[in-house]
């Protein structure tokens, strides 16, 4: 299995099936790490395979990170076990074997954040991720950190950065 918790006591746990929607007007829509982020507006169920594929996709956003200082935060980890019985097995005889690990993500959580990535490029990656998720999302930006490049050398520019 690709992503799984290091230490776990019980492999067979009962699923919590309550994925509730919410009202987005009460949310504090701020970014904690980066200057661009993707907020999920409906609850989502992701398995470890799906999360691994998303991380491989986001490696393209983090290209040459040693030179550009680009960072990507992915705020999800599969920590819940999912068991399944094989097809064609009759009812009874206990719970099935461990199939995969998954996570439930509540609506209104910022799942991905980018830092030091141009606005157009971050919009491209967030749009692609929205298609992959298949649910409505919202793009959040910290507009004070984006600049129109190239800056003219003759103009003096003053800006504050906190990183």
N, C-alpha and C. Protein backbone atom coordinates (compact mmCIF):
# COMPACT_ATOMS: atom_id res chain seq x y z
N UNK A 1 0.84 -1.19 0.00
CA UNK A 1 0.00 0.00 0.00
C UNK A 1 0.88 1.25 0.00
N UNK A 2 0.41 2.28 -0.66
CA UNK A 2 1.24 3.45 -0.87
C UNK A 2 1.33 4.33 0.37
N UNK A 3 0.22 4.87 0.80
CA UNK A 3 0.20 5.72 1.98
C UNK A 3 -0.59 5.01 3.07
N UNK A 4 -0.01 4.91 4.25
CA UNK A 4 -0.71 4.31 5.38
C UNK A 4 -0.06 4.82 6.66
N UNK A 5 -0.78 4.80 7.76
CA UNK A 5 -0.20 5.25 9.02
C UNK A 5 0.92 4.32 9.47
N UNK A 6 1.88 4.88 10.19
CA UNK A 6 3.00 4.08 10.67
C UNK A 6 2.57 3.08 11.73
N UNK A 7 1.95 3.58 12.77
CA UNK A 7 1.53 2.71 13.88
C UNK A 7 0.01 2.72 13.95
N UNK A 8 -0.57 1.55 13.98
CA UNK A 8 -2.00 1.47 14.17
C UNK A 8 -2.30 0.24 15.00
N UNK A 9 -3.31 0.34 15.85
CA UNK A 9 -3.65 -0.75 16.76
C UNK A 9 -4.68 -1.67 16.12
N UNK A 10 -5.77 -1.08 15.60
CA UNK A 10 -6.85 -1.88 15.03
C UNK A 10 -6.92 -1.65 13.53
N UNK A 11 -6.82 -2.73 12.77
CA UNK A 11 -6.92 -2.62 11.32
C UNK A 11 -8.37 -2.55 10.86
N UNK A 12 -9.29 -3.06 11.68
CA UNK A 12 -10.69 -3.09 11.27
C UNK A 12 -11.48 -2.15 12.16
N UNK A 13 -11.85 -1.03 11.58
CA UNK A 13 -12.55 0.01 12.32
C UNK A 13 -13.87 0.31 11.63
N UNK A 14 -14.86 0.73 12.43
CA UNK A 14 -16.16 1.03 11.86
C UNK A 14 -16.12 2.36 11.12
N UNK A 15 -16.75 2.40 9.95
CA UNK A 15 -16.77 3.62 9.16
C UNK A 15 -17.73 4.63 9.76
N UNK A 16 -17.36 5.89 9.72
CA UNK A 16 -18.27 6.97 10.08
C UNK A 16 -18.85 7.49 8.77
N UNK A 17 -20.13 7.25 8.54
CA UNK A 17 -20.72 7.58 7.24
C UNK A 17 -21.35 8.96 7.19
N UNK A 18 -21.18 9.77 8.20
CA UNK A 18 -21.85 11.06 8.20
C UNK A 18 -20.94 12.10 7.55
N UNK A 19 -21.17 12.35 6.28
CA UNK A 19 -20.50 13.44 5.58
C UNK A 19 -21.53 14.55 5.43
N UNK A 20 -21.41 15.57 6.24
CA UNK A 20 -22.42 16.62 6.27
C UNK A 20 -21.97 17.82 5.47
N UNK A 21 -22.92 18.46 4.80
CA UNK A 21 -22.61 19.71 4.11
C UNK A 21 -22.66 20.83 5.14
N UNK A 22 -22.34 22.02 4.74
CA UNK A 22 -22.21 23.12 5.69
C UNK A 22 -22.54 24.41 4.97
N UNK A 23 -22.57 25.49 5.74
CA UNK A 23 -22.82 26.81 5.19
C UNK A 23 -21.48 27.53 5.07
N UNK A 24 -21.10 27.95 3.87
CA UNK A 24 -19.78 28.53 3.65
C UNK A 24 -19.68 29.97 4.13
N UNK A 25 -20.78 30.62 4.48
CA UNK A 25 -20.71 32.03 4.86
C UNK A 25 -20.03 32.23 6.20
N UNK A 26 -19.96 31.18 7.04
CA UNK A 26 -19.37 31.32 8.35
C UNK A 26 -17.87 31.02 8.36
N UNK A 27 -17.31 30.66 7.23
CA UNK A 27 -15.92 30.22 7.20
C UNK A 27 -14.95 31.39 7.28
N UNK A 28 -13.84 31.14 7.94
CA UNK A 28 -12.74 32.09 7.94
C UNK A 28 -11.88 31.74 6.73
N UNK A 29 -11.99 32.50 5.67
CA UNK A 29 -11.36 32.14 4.40
C UNK A 29 -9.96 32.75 4.33
N UNK A 30 -9.04 32.18 5.10
CA UNK A 30 -7.66 32.65 5.07
C UNK A 30 -6.73 31.47 4.82
N UNK A 31 -5.56 31.79 4.34
CA UNK A 31 -4.55 30.77 4.09
C UNK A 31 -3.54 30.81 5.22
N UNK A 32 -3.17 29.64 5.73
CA UNK A 32 -2.26 29.61 6.85
C UNK A 32 -0.80 29.48 6.43
N UNK A 33 -0.52 28.84 5.28
CA UNK A 33 0.87 28.60 4.87
C UNK A 33 1.25 29.37 3.62
N UNK A 34 0.52 29.18 2.54
CA UNK A 34 0.94 29.71 1.25
C UNK A 34 0.21 30.97 0.85
N UNK A 35 0.37 31.34 -0.45
CA UNK A 35 -0.32 32.51 -0.96
C UNK A 35 -1.39 32.16 -1.98
N UNK A 36 -1.64 30.87 -2.21
CA UNK A 36 -2.75 30.42 -3.05
C UNK A 36 -3.22 29.08 -2.50
N UNK A 37 -4.52 28.87 -2.48
CA UNK A 37 -5.03 27.62 -1.92
C UNK A 37 -6.33 27.20 -2.57
N UNK A 38 -6.67 25.93 -2.39
CA UNK A 38 -7.89 25.36 -2.96
C UNK A 38 -8.77 24.88 -1.82
N UNK A 39 -9.96 25.48 -1.70
CA UNK A 39 -10.92 25.10 -0.67
C UNK A 39 -11.97 24.19 -1.27
N UNK A 40 -12.27 23.11 -0.56
CA UNK A 40 -13.29 22.16 -1.00
C UNK A 40 -14.62 22.56 -0.39
N UNK A 41 -15.66 22.67 -1.21
CA UNK A 41 -16.95 23.15 -0.73
C UNK A 41 -17.92 22.03 -0.37
N UNK A 42 -17.60 20.79 -0.71
CA UNK A 42 -18.44 19.65 -0.32
C UNK A 42 -17.54 18.60 0.31
N UNK A 43 -18.10 17.73 1.15
CA UNK A 43 -17.26 16.68 1.74
C UNK A 43 -16.74 15.71 0.69
N UNK A 44 -15.58 15.12 0.99
CA UNK A 44 -14.88 14.31 0.01
C UNK A 44 -14.30 13.07 0.68
N UNK A 45 -14.28 11.98 -0.03
CA UNK A 45 -13.76 10.70 0.45
C UNK A 45 -12.62 10.30 -0.49
N UNK A 46 -11.37 10.29 0.02
CA UNK A 46 -10.21 9.99 -0.81
C UNK A 46 -9.48 8.77 -0.26
N UNK A 47 -9.10 7.85 -1.14
CA UNK A 47 -8.33 6.69 -0.74
C UNK A 47 -6.83 7.00 -0.87
N UNK A 48 -6.01 6.09 -0.38
CA UNK A 48 -4.57 6.31 -0.41
C UNK A 48 -4.04 6.33 -1.85
N UNK A 49 -4.62 5.53 -2.74
CA UNK A 49 -4.21 5.56 -4.14
C UNK A 49 -4.50 6.91 -4.78
N UNK A 50 -5.69 7.45 -4.51
CA UNK A 50 -6.05 8.74 -5.08
C UNK A 50 -5.14 9.84 -4.55
N UNK A 51 -4.85 9.81 -3.25
CA UNK A 51 -3.97 10.82 -2.66
C UNK A 51 -2.56 10.72 -3.24
N UNK A 52 -2.09 9.52 -3.46
CA UNK A 52 -0.75 9.34 -4.03
C UNK A 52 -0.70 9.89 -5.45
N UNK A 53 -1.74 9.65 -6.23
CA UNK A 53 -1.79 10.18 -7.60
C UNK A 53 -1.83 11.71 -7.60
N UNK A 54 -2.56 12.29 -6.64
CA UNK A 54 -2.61 13.75 -6.55
C UNK A 54 -1.25 14.32 -6.18
N UNK A 55 -0.52 13.64 -5.30
CA UNK A 55 0.81 14.11 -4.94
C UNK A 55 1.77 14.01 -6.12
N UNK A 56 1.65 12.96 -6.92
CA UNK A 56 2.48 12.87 -8.13
C UNK A 56 2.15 13.99 -9.11
N UNK A 57 0.86 14.34 -9.22
CA UNK A 57 0.45 15.43 -10.10
C UNK A 57 1.02 16.75 -9.60
N UNK A 58 1.03 16.95 -8.27
CA UNK A 58 1.49 18.22 -7.72
C UNK A 58 3.01 18.36 -7.74
N UNK A 59 3.73 17.30 -8.05
CA UNK A 59 5.18 17.42 -8.19
C UNK A 59 5.54 18.35 -9.33
N UNK A 60 4.68 18.42 -10.34
CA UNK A 60 4.94 19.32 -11.47
C UNK A 60 4.87 20.78 -11.02
N UNK A 61 4.03 21.07 -10.02
CA UNK A 61 3.95 22.44 -9.52
C UNK A 61 5.19 22.80 -8.73
N UNK A 62 5.88 21.81 -8.20
CA UNK A 62 7.02 22.02 -7.32
C UNK A 62 8.34 21.84 -8.06
N UNK A 63 8.33 22.05 -9.38
CA UNK A 63 9.52 21.82 -10.20
C UNK A 63 10.63 22.79 -9.82
N UNK A 64 11.85 22.31 -9.76
CA UNK A 64 13.03 23.13 -9.43
C UNK A 64 12.82 23.91 -8.13
N UNK A 65 12.35 23.23 -7.11
CA UNK A 65 12.00 23.93 -5.87
C UNK A 65 13.22 24.46 -5.14
N UNK A 66 14.42 23.92 -5.41
CA UNK A 66 15.61 24.44 -4.76
C UNK A 66 15.98 25.82 -5.28
N UNK A 67 15.66 26.12 -6.54
CA UNK A 67 15.97 27.44 -7.11
C UNK A 67 14.81 28.42 -6.89
N UNK A 68 13.60 27.96 -7.08
CA UNK A 68 12.44 28.86 -7.04
C UNK A 68 11.80 28.99 -5.67
N UNK A 69 12.18 28.13 -4.73
CA UNK A 69 11.62 28.11 -3.38
C UNK A 69 10.11 27.90 -3.38
N UNK A 70 9.63 27.12 -4.34
CA UNK A 70 8.20 26.80 -4.38
C UNK A 70 7.89 25.73 -3.35
N UNK A 71 6.75 25.88 -2.71
CA UNK A 71 6.32 24.91 -1.71
C UNK A 71 4.88 24.53 -1.98
N UNK A 72 4.54 23.28 -1.68
CA UNK A 72 3.17 22.80 -1.80
C UNK A 72 2.81 22.12 -0.49
N UNK A 73 1.69 22.51 0.10
CA UNK A 73 1.17 21.85 1.30
C UNK A 73 -0.07 21.07 0.92
N UNK A 74 -0.10 19.82 1.31
CA UNK A 74 -1.24 18.94 1.03
C UNK A 74 -1.80 18.51 2.37
N UNK A 75 -2.98 18.99 2.73
CA UNK A 75 -3.52 18.80 4.07
C UNK A 75 -4.48 17.62 4.15
N UNK A 76 -4.01 16.45 3.79
CA UNK A 76 -4.84 15.25 3.90
C UNK A 76 -3.92 14.05 4.00
N UNK A 77 -4.31 13.11 4.85
CA UNK A 77 -3.55 11.87 4.98
C UNK A 77 -4.53 10.73 5.26
N UNK A 78 -4.38 9.58 4.60
CA UNK A 78 -5.32 8.47 4.83
C UNK A 78 -5.02 7.77 6.15
N UNK A 79 -5.87 7.97 7.14
CA UNK A 79 -5.65 7.39 8.46
C UNK A 79 -6.74 6.42 8.89
N UNK A 80 -7.75 6.22 8.05
CA UNK A 80 -8.85 5.32 8.40
C UNK A 80 -8.80 4.06 7.54
N UNK A 81 -8.97 2.89 8.13
CA UNK A 81 -8.92 1.66 7.34
C UNK A 81 -10.26 1.36 6.68
N UNK A 82 -10.22 0.73 5.51
CA UNK A 82 -11.41 0.32 4.78
C UNK A 82 -11.29 -1.17 4.49
N UNK A 83 -12.27 -1.95 4.93
CA UNK A 83 -12.24 -3.40 4.70
C UNK A 83 -13.29 -3.78 3.69
N UNK A 84 -13.02 -4.87 2.95
CA UNK A 84 -13.98 -5.36 1.97
C UNK A 84 -13.91 -6.87 1.89
N UNK A 85 -15.07 -7.46 1.62
CA UNK A 85 -15.09 -8.90 1.34
C UNK A 85 -15.01 -9.09 -0.17
N UNK A 86 -14.46 -10.20 -0.62
CA UNK A 86 -14.41 -10.44 -2.06
C UNK A 86 -15.81 -10.63 -2.65
N UNK A 87 -15.92 -10.44 -3.96
CA UNK A 87 -17.20 -10.62 -4.64
C UNK A 87 -17.60 -12.10 -4.61
N UNK A 88 -18.88 -12.34 -4.44
CA UNK A 88 -19.38 -13.71 -4.48
C UNK A 88 -19.33 -14.43 -3.15
N UNK A 89 -18.96 -13.74 -2.07
CA UNK A 89 -18.90 -14.38 -0.75
C UNK A 89 -20.23 -14.14 -0.06
N UNK A 90 -20.75 -15.18 0.59
CA UNK A 90 -22.03 -15.05 1.28
C UNK A 90 -21.89 -14.21 2.54
N UNK A 91 -23.05 -13.79 3.06
CA UNK A 91 -23.06 -12.96 4.24
C UNK A 91 -22.61 -13.75 5.47
N UNK A 92 -22.10 -13.01 6.46
CA UNK A 92 -21.63 -13.65 7.68
C UNK A 92 -20.14 -13.93 7.64
N UNK A 93 -19.67 -14.75 8.53
CA UNK A 93 -18.26 -15.16 8.61
C UNK A 93 -17.31 -14.00 8.88
N UNK A 94 -17.76 -12.99 9.59
CA UNK A 94 -16.87 -11.91 10.03
C UNK A 94 -16.66 -10.80 9.03
N UNK A 95 -15.81 -9.90 9.45
CA UNK A 95 -15.51 -8.72 8.64
C UNK A 95 -14.45 -9.07 7.61
N UNK A 96 -14.42 -8.32 6.50
CA UNK A 96 -13.48 -8.62 5.42
C UNK A 96 -12.06 -8.17 5.72
N UNK A 97 -11.17 -8.40 4.77
CA UNK A 97 -9.77 -8.02 4.92
C UNK A 97 -9.58 -6.55 4.62
N UNK A 98 -8.43 -6.02 5.05
CA UNK A 98 -8.10 -4.62 4.83
C UNK A 98 -7.89 -4.37 3.34
N UNK A 99 -8.69 -3.48 2.78
CA UNK A 99 -8.62 -3.17 1.36
C UNK A 99 -7.68 -2.00 1.10
N UNK A 100 -7.90 -0.88 1.79
CA UNK A 100 -7.07 0.30 1.60
C UNK A 100 -7.27 1.24 2.79
N UNK A 101 -6.53 2.30 2.80
CA UNK A 101 -6.68 3.36 3.80
C UNK A 101 -7.35 4.55 3.11
N UNK A 102 -8.15 5.30 3.84
CA UNK A 102 -8.86 6.43 3.25
C UNK A 102 -8.96 7.56 4.26
N UNK A 103 -9.43 8.69 3.77
CA UNK A 103 -9.67 9.84 4.64
C UNK A 103 -10.97 10.52 4.22
N UNK A 104 -11.67 11.06 5.18
CA UNK A 104 -12.85 11.88 4.92
C UNK A 104 -12.45 13.33 5.13
N UNK A 105 -12.67 14.16 4.13
CA UNK A 105 -12.33 15.57 4.23
C UNK A 105 -13.62 16.35 4.30
N UNK A 106 -13.77 17.16 5.33
CA UNK A 106 -14.98 17.95 5.50
C UNK A 106 -15.00 19.10 4.51
N UNK A 107 -16.19 19.53 4.16
CA UNK A 107 -16.33 20.68 3.29
C UNK A 107 -15.87 21.94 3.99
N UNK A 108 -15.28 22.84 3.24
CA UNK A 108 -14.80 24.10 3.80
C UNK A 108 -13.36 24.06 4.25
N UNK A 109 -12.67 22.94 4.04
CA UNK A 109 -11.27 22.87 4.44
C UNK A 109 -10.38 23.16 3.24
N UNK A 110 -9.30 23.87 3.49
CA UNK A 110 -8.32 24.17 2.44
C UNK A 110 -7.40 22.98 2.34
N UNK A 111 -7.49 22.26 1.25
CA UNK A 111 -6.77 20.99 1.13
C UNK A 111 -5.37 21.18 0.55
N UNK A 112 -5.17 22.15 -0.32
CA UNK A 112 -3.87 22.34 -0.97
C UNK A 112 -3.52 23.82 -0.94
N UNK A 113 -2.24 24.10 -0.60
CA UNK A 113 -1.76 25.47 -0.60
C UNK A 113 -0.43 25.54 -1.33
N UNK A 114 -0.25 26.62 -2.09
CA UNK A 114 0.98 26.85 -2.85
C UNK A 114 1.67 28.10 -2.32
N UNK A 115 2.99 28.08 -2.34
CA UNK A 115 3.75 29.27 -1.98
C UNK A 115 4.81 29.51 -3.05
N UNK A 116 5.04 30.77 -3.40
CA UNK A 116 6.01 31.20 -4.41
C UNK A 116 5.72 30.61 -5.78
N UNK A 117 4.46 30.46 -6.11
CA UNK A 117 4.04 29.99 -7.43
C UNK A 117 3.26 31.11 -8.08
N UNK A 118 3.54 31.37 -9.36
CA UNK A 118 2.85 32.46 -10.05
C UNK A 118 1.35 32.25 -10.04
N UNK A 119 0.60 33.35 -10.11
CA UNK A 119 -0.85 33.26 -9.97
C UNK A 119 -1.47 32.45 -11.11
N UNK A 120 -1.05 32.67 -12.34
CA UNK A 120 -1.60 31.94 -13.48
C UNK A 120 -1.33 30.45 -13.39
N UNK A 121 -0.11 30.11 -12.96
CA UNK A 121 0.25 28.70 -12.84
C UNK A 121 -0.53 28.03 -11.70
N UNK A 122 -0.71 28.76 -10.59
CA UNK A 122 -1.48 28.18 -9.48
C UNK A 122 -2.95 28.02 -9.87
N UNK A 123 -3.49 28.96 -10.66
CA UNK A 123 -4.87 28.82 -11.15
C UNK A 123 -4.99 27.59 -12.04
N UNK A 124 -3.98 27.35 -12.89
CA UNK A 124 -3.99 26.18 -13.76
C UNK A 124 -4.02 24.89 -12.94
N UNK A 125 -3.14 24.78 -11.95
CA UNK A 125 -3.09 23.56 -11.15
C UNK A 125 -4.37 23.36 -10.34
N UNK A 126 -4.92 24.46 -9.81
CA UNK A 126 -6.15 24.33 -9.02
C UNK A 126 -7.34 23.95 -9.90
N UNK A 127 -7.35 24.44 -11.14
CA UNK A 127 -8.43 24.06 -12.06
C UNK A 127 -8.34 22.58 -12.41
N UNK A 128 -7.12 22.10 -12.63
CA UNK A 128 -6.93 20.68 -12.92
C UNK A 128 -7.35 19.81 -11.73
N UNK A 129 -7.02 20.26 -10.52
CA UNK A 129 -7.40 19.51 -9.32
C UNK A 129 -8.91 19.51 -9.13
N UNK A 130 -9.57 20.60 -9.48
CA UNK A 130 -11.03 20.65 -9.39
C UNK A 130 -11.65 19.60 -10.30
N UNK A 131 -11.10 19.44 -11.51
CA UNK A 131 -11.60 18.41 -12.42
C UNK A 131 -11.35 17.02 -11.85
N UNK A 132 -10.21 16.82 -11.21
CA UNK A 132 -9.89 15.51 -10.65
C UNK A 132 -10.79 15.17 -9.46
N UNK A 133 -11.11 16.17 -8.62
CA UNK A 133 -11.97 15.93 -7.47
C UNK A 133 -13.41 15.70 -7.88
N UNK A 134 -13.89 16.47 -8.86
CA UNK A 134 -15.26 16.32 -9.33
C UNK A 134 -16.30 16.94 -8.42
N UNK A 135 -15.88 17.83 -7.54
CA UNK A 135 -16.83 18.53 -6.66
C UNK A 135 -16.53 20.02 -6.74
N UNK A 136 -17.46 20.87 -6.32
CA UNK A 136 -17.19 22.31 -6.39
C UNK A 136 -16.10 22.74 -5.41
N UNK A 137 -15.23 23.62 -5.88
CA UNK A 137 -14.14 24.13 -5.06
C UNK A 137 -14.08 25.65 -5.17
N UNK A 138 -13.27 26.25 -4.34
CA UNK A 138 -13.08 27.70 -4.37
C UNK A 138 -11.60 27.99 -4.31
N UNK A 139 -11.14 28.91 -5.14
CA UNK A 139 -9.73 29.28 -5.15
C UNK A 139 -9.52 30.47 -4.24
N UNK A 140 -8.55 30.36 -3.33
CA UNK A 140 -8.24 31.44 -2.40
C UNK A 140 -6.86 31.99 -2.73
N UNK A 141 -6.74 33.32 -2.68
CA UNK A 141 -5.46 33.97 -2.97
C UNK A 141 -5.15 34.99 -1.89
N UNK A 142 -3.89 35.07 -1.55
CA UNK A 142 -3.40 36.15 -0.69
C UNK A 142 -2.79 37.17 -1.64
N UNK A 143 -3.57 38.18 -2.01
CA UNK A 143 -3.21 39.05 -3.13
C UNK A 143 -2.03 39.96 -2.82
N UNK A 144 -1.65 40.12 -1.57
CA UNK A 144 -0.56 41.04 -1.26
C UNK A 144 0.80 40.47 -1.66
N UNK A 145 0.88 39.19 -1.99
CA UNK A 145 2.18 38.59 -2.31
C UNK A 145 2.40 38.40 -3.80
N UNK A 146 1.44 38.73 -4.65
CA UNK A 146 1.61 38.58 -6.09
C UNK A 146 2.06 39.91 -6.70
N UNK A 147 3.00 39.84 -7.63
CA UNK A 147 3.51 41.03 -8.30
C UNK A 147 3.43 40.82 -9.80
N UNK A 148 3.34 41.91 -10.54
CA UNK A 148 3.39 41.83 -11.99
C UNK A 148 4.85 41.90 -12.42
N UNK A 149 5.37 40.81 -12.94
CA UNK A 149 6.76 40.78 -13.37
C UNK A 149 6.80 40.88 -14.88
N UNK A 150 7.82 41.44 -15.51
CA UNK A 150 9.02 41.99 -14.89
C UNK A 150 8.79 43.41 -14.39
N UNK A 151 9.40 43.73 -13.28
CA UNK A 151 9.34 45.08 -12.73
C UNK A 151 10.36 45.95 -13.47
N UNK A 152 10.00 47.21 -13.73
CA UNK A 152 10.94 48.11 -14.41
C UNK A 152 12.03 48.49 -13.43
N UNK A 153 13.25 48.53 -13.91
CA UNK A 153 14.38 48.80 -13.04
C UNK A 153 14.38 50.25 -12.57
N UNK A 154 13.86 51.16 -13.39
CA UNK A 154 13.90 52.57 -13.04
C UNK A 154 12.97 52.89 -11.87
N UNK A 155 11.93 52.11 -11.67
CA UNK A 155 10.99 52.37 -10.58
C UNK A 155 11.51 51.73 -9.31
N UNK A 156 11.37 52.42 -8.20
CA UNK A 156 11.73 51.81 -6.91
C UNK A 156 10.46 51.20 -6.32
N UNK A 157 10.55 49.98 -5.92
CA UNK A 157 9.40 49.24 -5.42
C UNK A 157 9.67 48.84 -3.99
N UNK A 158 8.72 49.09 -3.11
CA UNK A 158 8.85 48.70 -1.70
C UNK A 158 7.74 47.72 -1.38
N UNK A 159 8.08 46.60 -0.81
CA UNK A 159 7.07 45.63 -0.40
C UNK A 159 7.57 44.87 0.80
N UNK A 160 6.63 44.41 1.62
CA UNK A 160 6.96 43.62 2.79
C UNK A 160 6.67 42.15 2.50
N UNK A 161 7.55 41.32 2.97
CA UNK A 161 7.31 39.88 2.86
C UNK A 161 7.54 39.24 4.21
N UNK A 162 6.76 38.22 4.50
CA UNK A 162 6.87 37.51 5.77
C UNK A 162 7.10 36.05 5.49
N UNK A 163 8.31 35.63 5.16
CA UNK A 163 8.62 34.22 4.98
C UNK A 163 10.01 33.89 5.30
